[in-house]
Amino acid sequence: SSAEASASSLASTMGPVLFTSLAGGALLVGSQPQVERANNALVTGVVLSFTALLALGIPQVDPSLLLHADAGAVIPAIPILVLALVFHNVIPTIALQLGCDFARIRTAILLGSAI
């Protein structure tokens, strides 16, 4: 019905607004250590989600498909390639969080890239 469509439209509009308001508000009023702890918890969630995705997906891999090449399939990968170009923006944040300790920064980047 029209009322259901209207409510659904409102929910899909207000969800992002509510999330942005709450997350932005928390960043605004939180201290640096609080924001850093929240960020670390969220990153941990991302790593756990990625690990679960790999664990569930690896059994579905058919190695014989890796021998097939399709140049046209590169086009959908362009956004990922562009994202890789901005990876360097992460480095200043890592450097700050690790106190500019080059050995720790190098280890973090290598281990993070291995994920």
Foldseek 3Di string as FASTA:
>chain_A
DVVVVVVVVVCVVVVVVVVCVVVVVCVVPPDPVVVVVVVVVVVVVVVVVVVVCCVVCVVVDDVVCVVDDDVVVCVVVVVVVVVVVCPVVCLVVLCVVVVNPVVVSVVCVVVVVVD
